[in-house]
Amino acid sequence: DSVKGRFTISRDNAKNTAYLQMNSLKPEDTADYYCNADVRVYTG
């Protein structure tokens, strides 16, 4: 709720990449930001 209307998450599946566009930033947004991904892998 604290970021609705200000932040936008998106992804490019072909590049295995996610983005977070952060607009109208506030001092209370100050933090370490961590990406998380639920991944299916194959070891061989």
ModelCIF file with pLDDT and N, C-alpha, C, O atoms, coordinates in Angstrom:
data_MODEL
#
_entry.id   MODEL 
#
_entity.id                         1 
_entity.type                       polymer 
_entity.pdbx_number_of_molecules   1 
#
_entity_poly.entity_id                      1 
_entity_poly.type                           'polypeptide(L)' 
_entity_poly.nstd_linkage                   no 
_entity_poly.nstd_monomer                   no 
_entity_poly.pdbx_seq_one_letter_code       DSVKGRFTISRDNAKNTAYLQMNSLKPEDTADYYCNADVRVYTG 
_entity_poly.pdbx_seq_one_letter_code_can   DSVKGRFTISRDNAKNTAYLQMNSLKPEDTADYYCNADVRVYTG 
_entity_poly.pdbx_strand_id                 A 
#
loop_
_entity_poly_seq.entity_id 
_entity_poly_seq.num 
_entity_poly_seq.mon_id 
_entity_poly_seq.hetero 
1 1  ASP n 
1 2  SER n 
1 3  VAL n 
1 4  LYS n 
1 5  GLY n 
1 6  ARG n 
1 7  PHE n 
1 8  THR n 
1 9  ILE n 
1 10 SER n 
1 11 ARG n 
1 12 ASP n 
1 13 ASN n 
1 14 ALA n 
1 15 LYS n 
1 16 ASN n 
1 17 THR n 
1 18 ALA n 
1 19 TYR n 
1 20 LEU n 
1 21 GLN n 
1 22 MET n 
1 23 ASN n 
1 24 SER n 
1 25 LEU n 
1 26 LYS n 
1 27 PRO n 
1 28 GLU n 
1 29 ASP n 
1 30 THR n 
1 31 ALA n 
1 32 ASP n 
1 33 TYR n 
1 34 TYR n 
1 35 CYS n 
1 36 ASN n 
1 37 ALA n 
1 38 ASP n 
1 39 VAL n 
1 40 ARG n 
1 41 VAL n 
1 42 TYR n 
1 43 THR n 
1 44 GLY n 
#
_struct_asym.id          A 
_struct_asym.entity_id   1 
#
loop_
_ma_qa_metric.id 
_ma_qa_metric.mode 
_ma_qa_metric.name 
_ma_qa_metric.software_group_id 
_ma_qa_metric.type 
1 global pLDDT . pLDDT 
2 local  pLDDT . pLDDT 
#
_ma_qa_metric_global.metric_id      1 
_ma_qa_metric_global.metric_value   96.11 
_ma_qa_metric_global.model_id       1 
_ma_qa_metric_global.ordinal_id     1 
#
loop_
_ma_qa_metric_local.label_asym_id 
_ma_qa_metric_local.label_comp_id 
_ma_qa_metric_local.label_seq_id 
_ma_qa_metric_local.metric_id 
_ma_qa_metric_local.metric_value 
_ma_qa_metric_local.model_id 
_ma_qa_metric_local.ordinal_id 
A ASP 1  2 98.00 1 1  
A SER 2  2 97.00 1 2  
A VAL 3  2 98.00 1 3  
A LYS 4  2 98.00 1 4  
A GLY 5  2 97.00 1 5  
A ARG 6  2 98.00 1 6  
A PHE 7  2 98.00 1 7  
A THR 8  2 98.00 1 8  
A ILE 9  2 98.00 1 9  
A SER 10 2 97.00 1 10 
A ARG 11 2 96.00 1 11 
A ASP 12 2 95.00 1 12 
A ASN 13 2 92.00 1 13 
A ALA 14 2 92.00 1 14 
A LYS 15 2 94.00 1 15 
A ASN 16 2 95.00 1 16 
A THR 17 2 96.00 1 17 
A ALA 18 2 97.00 1 18 
A TYR 19 2 98.00 1 19 
A LEU 20 2 98.00 1 20 
A GLN 21 2 98.00 1 21 
A MET 22 2 98.00 1 22 
A ASN 23 2 98.00 1 23 
A SER 24 2 98.00 1 24 
A LEU 25 2 98.00 1 25 
A LYS 26 2 98.00 1 26 
A PRO 27 2 97.00 1 27 
A GLU 28 2 96.00 1 28 
A ASP 29 2 98.00 1 29 
A THR 30 2 98.00 1 30 
A ALA 31 2 98.00 1 31 
A ASP 32 2 98.00 1 32 
A TYR 33 2 98.00 1 33 
A TYR 34 2 98.00 1 34 
A CYS 35 2 98.00 1 35 
A ASN 36 2 97.00 1 36 
A ALA 37 2 97.00 1 37 
A ASP 38 2 97.00 1 38 
A VAL 39 2 95.00 1 39 
A ARG 40 2 94.00 1 40 
A VAL 41 2 93.00 1 41 
A TYR 42 2 90.00 1 42 
A THR 43 2 85.00 1 43 
A GLY 44 2 84.00 1 44 
#
loop_
_atom_site.group_PDB 
_atom_site.id 
_atom_site.type_symbol 
_atom_site.label_atom_id 
_atom_site.label_alt_id 
_atom_site.label_comp_id 
_atom_site.label_asym_id 
_atom_site.label_entity_id 
_atom_site.label_seq_id 
_atom_site.pdbx_PDB_ins_code 
_atom_site.Cartn_x 
_atom_site.Cartn_y 
_atom_site.Cartn_z 
_atom_site.occupancy 
_atom_site.B_iso_or_equiv 
_atom_site.pdbx_formal_charge 
_atom_site.auth_seq_id 
_atom_site.auth_comp_id 
_atom_site.auth_asym_id 
_atom_site.auth_atom_id 
_atom_site.pdbx_PDB_model_num 
ATOM 1   N N  . ASP A 1 1  ? 0.814  -1.210  0.000   1.00 98.00 ? 1  ASP A N  1 
ATOM 2   C CA . ASP A 1 1  ? 0.000  0.000   0.000   1.00 98.00 ? 1  ASP A CA 1 
ATOM 3   C C  . ASP A 1 1  ? 0.852  1.265   0.000   1.00 98.00 ? 1  ASP A C  1 
ATOM 4   O O  . ASP A 1 1  ? 0.454  2.281   -0.571  1.00 98.00 ? 1  ASP A O  1 
ATOM 5   N N  . SER A 1 2  ? 2.010  1.210   0.631   1.00 97.00 ? 2  SER A N  1 
ATOM 6   C CA . SER A 1 2  ? 2.853  2.382   0.769   1.00 97.00 ? 2  SER A CA 1 
ATOM 7   C C  . SER A 1 2  ? 3.465  2.858   -0.548  1.00 97.00 ? 2  SER A C  1 
ATOM 8   O O  . SER A 1 2  ? 3.933  3.993   -0.633  1.00 97.00 ? 2  SER A O  1 
ATOM 9   N N  . VAL A 1 3  ? 3.470  1.999   -1.585  1.00 98.00 ? 3  VAL A N  1 
ATOM 10  C CA . VAL A 1 3  ? 4.092  2.371   -2.855  1.00 98.00 ? 3  VAL A CA 1 
ATOM 11  C C  . VAL A 1 3  ? 3.110  2.402   -4.013  1.00 98.00 ? 3  VAL A C  1 
ATOM 12  O O  . VAL A 1 3  ? 3.496  2.757   -5.127  1.00 98.00 ? 3  VAL A O  1 
ATOM 13  N N  . LYS A 1 4  ? 1.858  2.042   -3.787  1.00 98.00 ? 4  LYS A N  1 
ATOM 14  C CA . LYS A 1 4  ? 0.867  2.042   -4.860  1.00 98.00 ? 4  LYS A CA 1 
ATOM 15  C C  . LYS A 1 4  ? 0.734  3.439   -5.460  1.00 98.00 ? 4  LYS A C  1 
ATOM 16  O O  . LYS A 1 4  ? 0.651  4.436   -4.742  1.00 98.00 ? 4  LYS A O  1 
ATOM 17  N N  . GLY A 1 5  ? 0.715  3.490   -6.786  1.00 97.00 ? 5  GLY A N  1 
ATOM 18  C CA . GLY A 1 5  ? 0.608  4.753   -7.488  1.00 97.00 ? 5  GLY A CA 1 
ATOM 19  C C  . GLY A 1 5  ? 1.923  5.445   -7.722  1.00 97.00 ? 5  GLY A C  1 
ATOM 20  O O  . GLY A 1 5  ? 1.983  6.408   -8.486  1.00 97.00 ? 5  GLY A O  1 
ATOM 21  N N  . ARG A 1 6  ? 2.993  4.978   -7.080  1.00 98.00 ? 6  ARG A N  1 
ATOM 22  C CA . ARG A 1 6  ? 4.313  5.583   -7.235  1.00 98.00 ? 6  ARG A CA 1 
ATOM 23  C C  . ARG A 1 6  ? 5.324  4.640   -7.876  1.00 98.00 ? 6  ARG A C  1 
ATOM 24  O O  . ARG A 1 6  ? 6.161  5.078   -8.666  1.00 98.00 ? 6  ARG A O  1 
ATOM 25  N N  . PHE A 1 7  ? 5.258  3.348   -7.545  1.00 98.00 ? 7  PHE A N  1 
ATOM 26  C CA . PHE A 1 7  ? 6.206  2.349   -8.053  1.00 98.00 ? 7  PHE A CA 1 
ATOM 27  C C  . PHE A 1 7  ? 5.511  1.466   -9.083  1.00 98.00 ? 7  PHE A C  1 
ATOM 28  O O  . PHE A 1 7  ? 4.307  1.226   -8.999  1.00 98.00 ? 7  PHE A O  1 
ATOM 29  N N  . THR A 1 8  ? 6.283  0.986   -10.057 1.00 98.00 ? 8  THR A N  1 
ATOM 30  C CA . THR A 1 8  ? 5.786  0.063   -11.058 1.00 98.00 ? 8  THR A CA 1 
ATOM 31  C C  . THR A 1 8  ? 6.791  -1.065  -11.257 1.00 98.00 ? 8  THR A C  1 
ATOM 32  O O  . THR A 1 8  ? 7.955  -0.812  -11.567 1.00 98.00 ? 8  THR A O  1 
ATOM 33  N N  . ILE A 1 9  ? 6.346  -2.313  -11.081 1.00 98.00 ? 9  ILE A N  1 
ATOM 34  C CA . ILE A 1 9  ? 7.193  -3.466  -11.345 1.00 98.00 ? 9  ILE A CA 1 
ATOM 35  C C  . ILE A 1 9  ? 6.879  -4.001  -12.741 1.00 98.00 ? 9  ILE A C  1 
ATOM 36  O O  . ILE A 1 9  ? 5.723  -4.009  -13.163 1.00 98.00 ? 9  ILE A O  1 
ATOM 37  N N  . SER A 1 10 ? 7.905  -4.442  -13.447 1.00 97.00 ? 10 SER A N  1 
ATOM 38  C CA . SER A 1 10 ? 7.737  -5.013  -14.775 1.00 97.00 ? 10 SER A CA 1 
ATOM 39  C C  . SER A 1 10 ? 8.794  -6.085  -14.987 1.00 97.00 ? 10 SER A C  1 
ATOM 40  O O  . SER A 1 10 ? 9.701  -6.237  -14.168 1.00 97.00 ? 10 SER A O  1 
ATOM 41  N N  . ARG A 1 11 ? 8.682  -6.832  -16.088 1.00 96.00 ? 11 ARG A N  1 
ATOM 42  C CA . ARG A 1 11 ? 9.671  -7.872  -16.371 1.00 96.00 ? 11 ARG A CA 1 
ATOM 43  C C  . ARG A 1 11 ? 9.790  -8.101  -17.862 1.00 96.00 ? 11 ARG A C  1 
ATOM 44  O O  . ARG A 1 11 ? 8.858  -7.847  -18.626 1.00 96.00 ? 11 ARG A O  1 
ATOM 45  N N  . ASP A 1 12 ? 10.956 -8.585  -18.262 1.00 95.00 ? 12 ASP A N  1 
ATOM 46  C CA . ASP A 1 12 ? 11.229 -8.996  -19.625 1.00 95.00 ? 12 ASP A CA 1 
ATOM 47  C C  . ASP A 1 12 ? 11.613 -10.470 -19.542 1.00 95.00 ? 12 ASP A C  1 
ATOM 48  O O  . ASP A 1 12 ? 12.744 -10.799 -19.184 1.00 95.00 ? 12 ASP A O  1 
ATOM 49  N N  . ASN A 1 13 ? 10.686 -11.348 -19.867 1.00 92.00 ? 13 ASN A N  1 
ATOM 50  C CA . ASN A 1 13 ? 10.924 -12.781 -19.709 1.00 92.00 ? 13 ASN A CA 1 
ATOM 51  C C  . ASN A 1 13 ? 12.051 -13.292 -20.604 1.00 92.00 ? 13 ASN A C  1 
ATOM 52  O O  . ASN A 1 13 ? 12.781 -14.207 -20.221 1.00 92.00 ? 13 ASN A O  1 
ATOM 53  N N  . ALA A 1 14 ? 12.196 -12.711 -21.786 1.00 92.00 ? 14 ALA A N  1 
ATOM 54  C CA . ALA A 1 14 ? 13.255 -13.130 -22.698 1.00 92.00 ? 14 ALA A CA 1 
ATOM 55  C C  . ALA A 1 14 ? 14.637 -12.828 -22.133 1.00 92.00 ? 14 ALA A C  1 
ATOM 56  O O  . ALA A 1 14 ? 15.606 -13.511 -22.463 1.00 92.00 ? 14 ALA A O  1 
ATOM 57  N N  . LYS A 1 15 ? 14.733 -11.809 -21.283 1.00 94.00 ? 15 LYS A N  1 
ATOM 58  C CA . LYS A 1 15 ? 16.003 -11.418 -20.682 1.00 94.00 ? 15 LYS A CA 1 
ATOM 59  C C  . LYS A 1 15 ? 16.134 -11.868 -19.234 1.00 94.00 ? 15 LYS A C  1 
ATOM 60  O O  . LYS A 1 15 ? 17.145 -11.582 -18.592 1.00 94.00 ? 15 LYS A O  1 
ATOM 61  N N  . ASN A 1 16 ? 15.129 -12.569 -18.705 1.00 95.00 ? 16 ASN A N  1 
ATOM 62  C CA . ASN A 1 16 ? 15.124 -12.998 -17.303 1.00 95.00 ? 16 ASN A CA 1 
ATOM 63  C C  . ASN A 1 16 ? 15.407 -11.828 -16.364 1.00 95.00 ? 16 ASN A C  1 
ATOM 64  O O  . ASN A 1 16 ? 16.194 -11.944 -15.424 1.00 95.00 ? 16 ASN A O  1 
ATOM 65  N N  . THR A 1 17 ? 14.761 -10.717 -16.633 1.00 96.00 ? 17 THR A N  1 
ATOM 66  C CA . THR A 1 17 ? 15.035 -9.484  -15.911 1.00 96.00 ? 17 THR A CA 1 
ATOM 67  C C  . THR A 1 17 ? 13.754 -8.862  -15.386 1.00 96.00 ? 17 THR A C  1 
ATOM 68  O O  . THR A 1 17 ? 12.737 -8.831  -16.078 1.00 96.00 ? 17 THR A O  1 
ATOM 69  N N  . ALA A 1 18 ? 13.811 -8.363  -14.150 1.00 97.00 ? 18 ALA A N  1 
ATOM 70  C CA . ALA A 1 18 ? 12.723 -7.602  -13.553 1.00 97.00 ? 18 ALA A CA 1 
ATOM 71  C C  . ALA A 1 18 ? 13.187 -6.182  -13.291 1.00 97.00 ? 18 ALA A C  1 
ATOM 72  O O  . ALA A 1 18 ? 14.377 -5.930  -13.101 1.00 97.00 ? 18 ALA A O  1 
ATOM 73  N N  . TYR A 1 19 ? 12.235 -5.257  -13.283 1.00 98.00 ? 19 TYR A N  1 
ATOM 74  C CA . TYR A 1 19 ? 12.524 -3.848  -13.073 1.00 98.00 ? 19 TYR A CA 1 
ATOM 75  C C  . TYR A 1 19 ? 11.589 -3.289  -12.015 1.00 98.00 ? 19 TYR A C  1 
ATOM 76  O O  . TYR A 1 19 ? 10.488 -3.798  -11.804 1.00 98.00 ? 19 TYR A O  1 
ATOM 77  N N  . LEU A 1 20 ? 12.043 -2.236  -11.357 1.00 98.00 ? 20 LEU A N  1 
ATOM 78  C CA . LEU A 1 20 ? 11.204 -1.490  -10.440 1.00 98.00 ? 20 LEU A CA 1 
ATOM 79  C C  . LEU A 1 20 ? 11.404 -0.009  -10.716 1.00 98.00 ? 20 LEU A C  1 
ATOM 80  O O  . LEU A 1 20 ? 12.442 0.560   -10.376 1.00 98.00 ? 20 LEU A O  1 
ATOM 81  N N  . GLN A 1 21 ? 10.405 0.611   -11.334 1.00 98.00 ? 21 GLN A N  1 
ATOM 82  C CA . GLN A 1 21 ? 10.419 2.047   -11.569 1.00 98.00 ? 21 GLN A CA 1 
ATOM 83  C C  . GLN A 1 21 ? 9.845  2.739   -10.348 1.00 98.00 ? 21 GLN A C  1 
ATOM 84  O O  . GLN A 1 21 ? 8.700  2.491   -9.971  1.00 98.00 ? 21 GLN A O  1 
ATOM 85  N N  . MET A 1 22 ? 10.632 3.606   -9.726  1.00 98.00 ? 22 MET A N  1 
ATOM 86  C CA . MET A 1 22 ? 10.242 4.280   -8.503  1.00 98.00 ? 22 MET A CA 1 
ATOM 87  C C  . MET A 1 22 ? 10.149 5.778   -8.771  1.00 98.00 ? 22 MET A C  1 
ATOM 88  O O  . MET A 1 22 ? 11.154 6.428   -9.059  1.00 98.00 ? 22 MET A O  1 
ATOM 89  N N  . ASN A 1 23 ? 8.946  6.315   -8.675  1.00 98.00 ? 23 ASN A N  1 
ATOM 90  C CA . ASN A 1 23 ? 8.700  7.731   -8.884  1.00 98.00 ? 23 ASN A CA 1 
ATOM 91  C C  . ASN A 1 23 ? 8.212  8.375   -7.595  1.00 98.00 ? 23 ASN A C  1 
ATOM 92  O O  . ASN A 1 23 ? 7.786  7.686   -6.668  1.00 98.00 ? 23 ASN A O  1 
ATOM 93  N N  . SER A 1 24 ? 8.277  9.693   -7.544  1.00 98.00 ? 24 SER A N  1 
ATOM 94  C CA . SER A 1 24 ? 7.814  10.452  -6.376  1.00 98.00 ? 24 SER A CA 1 
ATOM 95  C C  . SER A 1 24 ? 8.389  9.888   -5.088  1.00 98.00 ? 24 SER A C  1 
ATOM 96  O O  . SER A 1 24 ? 7.663  9.660   -4.120  1.00 98.00 ? 24 SER A O  1 
ATOM 97  N N  . LEU A 1 25 ? 9.685  9.667   -5.082  1.00 98.00 ? 25 LEU A N  1 
ATOM 98  C CA . LEU A 1 25 ? 10.338 9.039   -3.941  1.00 98.00 ? 25 LEU A CA 1 
ATOM 99  C C  . LEU A 1 25 ? 10.248 9.915   -2.695  1.00 98.00 ? 25 LEU A C  1 
ATOM 100 O O  . LEU A 1 25 ? 10.306 11.143  -2.767  1.00 98.00 ? 25 LEU A O  1 
ATOM 101 N N  . LYS A 1 26 ? 10.106 9.249   -1.558  1.00 98.00 ? 26 LYS A N  1 
ATOM 102 C CA . LYS A 1 26 ? 9.997  9.893   -0.260  1.00 98.00 ? 26 LYS A CA 1 
ATOM 103 C C  . LYS A 1 26 ? 11.149 9.439   0.630   1.00 98.00 ? 26 LYS A C  1 
ATOM 104 O O  . LYS A 1 26 ? 11.696 8.358   0.410   1.00 98.00 ? 26 LYS A O  1 
ATOM 105 N N  . PRO A 1 27 ? 11.533 10.234  1.630   1.00 97.00 ? 27 PRO A N  1 
ATOM 106 C CA . PRO A 1 27 ? 12.593 9.804   2.543   1.00 97.00 ? 27 PRO A CA 1 
ATOM 107 C C  . PRO A 1 27 ? 12.320 8.446   3.182   1.00 97.00 ? 27 PRO A C  1 
ATOM 108 O O  . PRO A 1 27 ? 13.255 7.686   3.429   1.00 97.00 ? 27 PRO A O  1 
ATOM 109 N N  . GLU A 1 28 ? 11.062 8.132   3.452   1.00 96.00 ? 28 GLU A N  1 
ATOM 110 C CA . GLU A 1 28 ? 10.730 6.850   4.049   1.00 96.00 ? 28 GLU A CA 1 
ATOM 111 C C  . GLU A 1 28 ? 10.920 5.667   3.103   1.00 96.00 ? 28 GLU A C  1 
ATOM 112 O O  . GLU A 1 28 ? 10.801 4.519   3.531   1.00 96.00 ? 28 GLU A O  1 
ATOM 113 N N  . ASP A 1 29 ? 11.215 5.920   1.822   1.00 98.00 ? 29 ASP A N  1 
ATOM 114 C CA . ASP A 1 29 ? 11.560 4.860   0.884   1.00 98.00 ? 29 ASP A CA 1 
ATOM 115 C C  . ASP A 1 29 ? 13.018 4.431   1.018   1.00 98.00 ? 29 ASP A C  1 
ATOM 116 O O  . ASP A 1 29 ? 13.422 3.439   0.412   1.00 98.00 ? 29 ASP A O  1 
ATOM 117 N N  . THR A 1 30 ? 13.806 5.153   1.790   1.00 98.00 ? 30 THR A N  1 
ATOM 118 C CA . THR A 1 30 ? 15.218 4.829   1.967   1.00 98.00 ? 30 THR A CA 1 
ATOM 119 C C  . THR A 1 30 ? 15.368 3.435   2.564   1.00 98.00 ? 30 THR A C  1 
ATOM 120 O O  . THR A 1 30 ? 14.821 3.146   3.628   1.00 98.00 ? 30 THR A O  1 
ATOM 121 N N  . ALA A 1 31 ? 16.114 2.570   1.872   1.00 98.00 ? 31 ALA A N  1 
ATOM 122 C CA . ALA A 1 31 ? 16.281 1.181   2.302   1.00 98.00 ? 31 ALA A CA 1 
ATOM 123 C C  . ALA A 1 31 ? 17.221 0.461   1.350   1.00 98.00 ? 31 ALA A C  1 
ATOM 124 O O  . ALA A 1 31 ? 17.549 0.965   0.276   1.00 98.00 ? 31 ALA A O  1 
ATOM 125 N N  . ASP A 1 32 ? 17.648 -0.728  1.764   1.00 98.00 ? 32 ASP A N  1 
ATOM 126 C CA . ASP A 1 32 ? 18.267 -1.666  0.843   1.00 98.00 ? 32 ASP A CA 1 
ATOM 127 C C  . ASP A 1 32 ? 17.161 -2.420  0.124   1.00 98.00 ? 32 ASP A C  1 
ATOM 128 O O  . ASP A 1 32 ? 16.256 -2.959  0.761   1.00 98.00 ? 32 ASP A O  1 
ATOM 129 N N  . TYR A 1 33 ? 17.228 -2.459  -1.198  1.00 98.00 ? 33 TYR A N  1 
ATOM 130 C CA . TYR A 1 33 ? 16.211 -3.118  -2.008  1.00 98.00 ? 33 TYR A CA 1 
ATOM 131 C C  . TYR A 1 33 ? 16.766 -4.429  -2.543  1.00 98.00 ? 33 TYR A C  1 
ATOM 132 O O  . TYR A 1 33 ? 17.851 -4.466  -3.124  1.00 98.00 ? 33 TYR A O  1 
ATOM 133 N N  . TYR A 1 34 ? 16.008 -5.511  -2.342  1.00 98.00 ? 34 TYR A N  1 
ATOM 134 C CA . TYR A 1 34 ? 16.442 -6.853  -2.701  1.00 98.00 ? 34 TYR A CA 1 
ATOM 135 C C  . TYR A 1 34 ? 15.508 -7.455  -3.741  1.00 98.00 ? 34 TYR A C  1 
ATOM 136 O O  . TYR A 1 34 ? 14.287 -7.407  -3.594  1.00 98.00 ? 34 TYR A O  1 
ATOM 137 N N  . CYS A 1 35 ? 16.083 -8.014  -4.781  1.00 98.00 ? 35 CYS A N  1 
ATOM 138 C CA . CYS A 1 35 ? 15.329 -8.743  -5.781  1.00 98.00 ? 35 CYS A CA 1 
ATOM 139 C C  . CYS A 1 35 ? 15.148 -10.189 -5.330  1.00 98.00 ? 35 CYS A C  1 
ATOM 140 O O  . CYS A 1 35 ? 16.032 -10.762 -4.693  1.00 98.00 ? 35 CYS A O  1 
ATOM 141 N N  . ASN A 1 36 ? 14.007 -10.769 -5.662  1.00 97.00 ? 36 ASN A N  1 
ATOM 142 C CA . ASN A 1 36 ? 13.730 -12.165 -5.360  1.00 97.00 ? 36 ASN A CA 1 
ATOM 143 C C  . ASN A 1 36 ? 13.111 -12.821 -6.587  1.00 97.00 ? 36 ASN A C  1 
ATOM 144 O O  . ASN A 1 36 ? 12.286 -12.217 -7.272  1.00 97.00 ? 36 ASN A O  1 
ATOM 145 N N  . ALA A 1 37 ? 13.516 -14.071 -6.864  1.00 97.00 ? 37 ALA A N  1 
ATOM 146 C CA . ALA A 1 37 ? 12.985 -14.791 -8.010  1.00 97.00 ? 37 ALA A CA 1 
ATOM 147 C C  . ALA A 1 37 ? 12.765 -16.249 -7.660  1.00 97.00 ? 37 ALA A C  1 
ATOM 148 O O  . ALA A 1 37 ? 13.633 -16.895 -7.072  1.00 97.00 ? 37 ALA A O  1 
ATOM 149 N N  . ASP A 1 38 ? 11.597 -16.765 -8.024  1.00 97.00 ? 38 ASP A N  1 
ATOM 150 C CA . ASP A 1 38 ? 11.255 -18.171 -7.856  1.00 97.00 ? 38 ASP A CA 1 
ATOM 151 C C  . ASP A 1 38 ? 11.650 -18.874 -9.149  1.00 97.00 ? 38 ASP A C  1 
ATOM 152 O O  . ASP A 1 38 ? 10.987 -18.714 -10.174 1.00 97.00 ? 38 ASP A O  1 
ATOM 153 N N  . VAL A 1 39 ? 12.744 -19.661 -9.103  1.00 95.00 ? 39 VAL A N  1 
ATOM 154 C CA . VAL A 1 39 ? 13.394 -20.155 -10.313 1.00 95.00 ? 39 VAL A CA 1 
ATOM 155 C C  . VAL A 1 39 ? 13.353 -21.674 -10.378 1.00 95.00 ? 39 VAL A C  1 
ATOM 156 O O  . VAL A 1 39 ? 13.585 -22.352 -9.377  1.00 95.00 ? 39 VAL A O  1 
ATOM 157 N N  . ARG A 1 40 ? 13.057 -22.206 -11.559 1.00 94.00 ? 40 ARG A N  1 
ATOM 158 C CA . ARG A 1 40 ? 13.220 -23.621 -11.837 1.00 94.00 ? 40 ARG A CA 1 
ATOM 159 C C  . ARG A 1 40 ? 14.540 -23.795 -12.580 1.00 94.00 ? 40 ARG A C  1 
ATOM 160 O O  . ARG A 1 40 ? 14.759 -23.167 -13.616 1.00 94.00 ? 40 ARG A O  1 
ATOM 161 N N  . VAL A 1 41 ? 15.423 -24.651 -12.049 1.00 93.00 ? 41 VAL A N  1 
ATOM 162 C CA . VAL A 1 41 ? 16.748 -24.832 -12.623 1.00 93.00 ? 41 VAL A CA 1 
ATOM 163 C C  . VAL A 1 41 ? 16.962 -26.280 -13.030 1.00 93.00 ? 41 VAL A C  1 
ATOM 164 O O  . VAL A 1 41 ? 16.234 -27.175 -12.602 1.00 93.00 ? 41 VAL A O  1 
ATOM 165 N N  . TYR A 1 42 ? 17.979 -26.498 -13.870 1.00 90.00 ? 42 TYR A N  1 
ATOM 166 C CA . TYR A 1 42 ? 18.349 -27.833 -14.316 1.00 90.00 ? 42 TYR A CA 1 
ATOM 167 C C  . TYR A 1 42 ? 19.856 -27.987 -14.173 1.00 90.00 ? 42 TYR A C  1 
ATOM 168 O O  . TYR A 1 42 ? 20.615 -27.213 -14.756 1.00 90.00 ? 42 TYR A O  1 
ATOM 169 N N  . THR A 1 43 ? 20.296 -28.973 -13.405 1.00 85.00 ? 43 THR A N  1 
ATOM 170 C CA . THR A 1 43 ? 21.718 -29.188 -13.140 1.00 85.00 ? 43 THR A CA 1 
ATOM 171 C C  . THR A 1 43 ? 22.408 -30.054 -14.186 1.00 85.00 ? 43 THR A C  1 
ATOM 172 O O  . THR A 1 43 ? 23.635 -30.156 -14.180 1.00 85.00 ? 43 THR A O  1 
ATOM 173 N N  . GLY A 1 44 ? 21.652 -30.679 -15.082 1.00 84.00 ? 44 GLY A N  1 
ATOM 174 C CA . GLY A 1 44 ? 22.162 -31.673 -16.006 1.00 84.00 ? 44 GLY A CA 1 
ATOM 175 C C  . GLY A 1 44 ? 21.698 -33.062 -15.640 1.00 84.00 ? 44 GLY A C  1 
ATOM 176 O O  . GLY A 1 44 ? 22.041 -34.027 -16.323 1.00 84.00 ? 44 GLY A O  1 
#
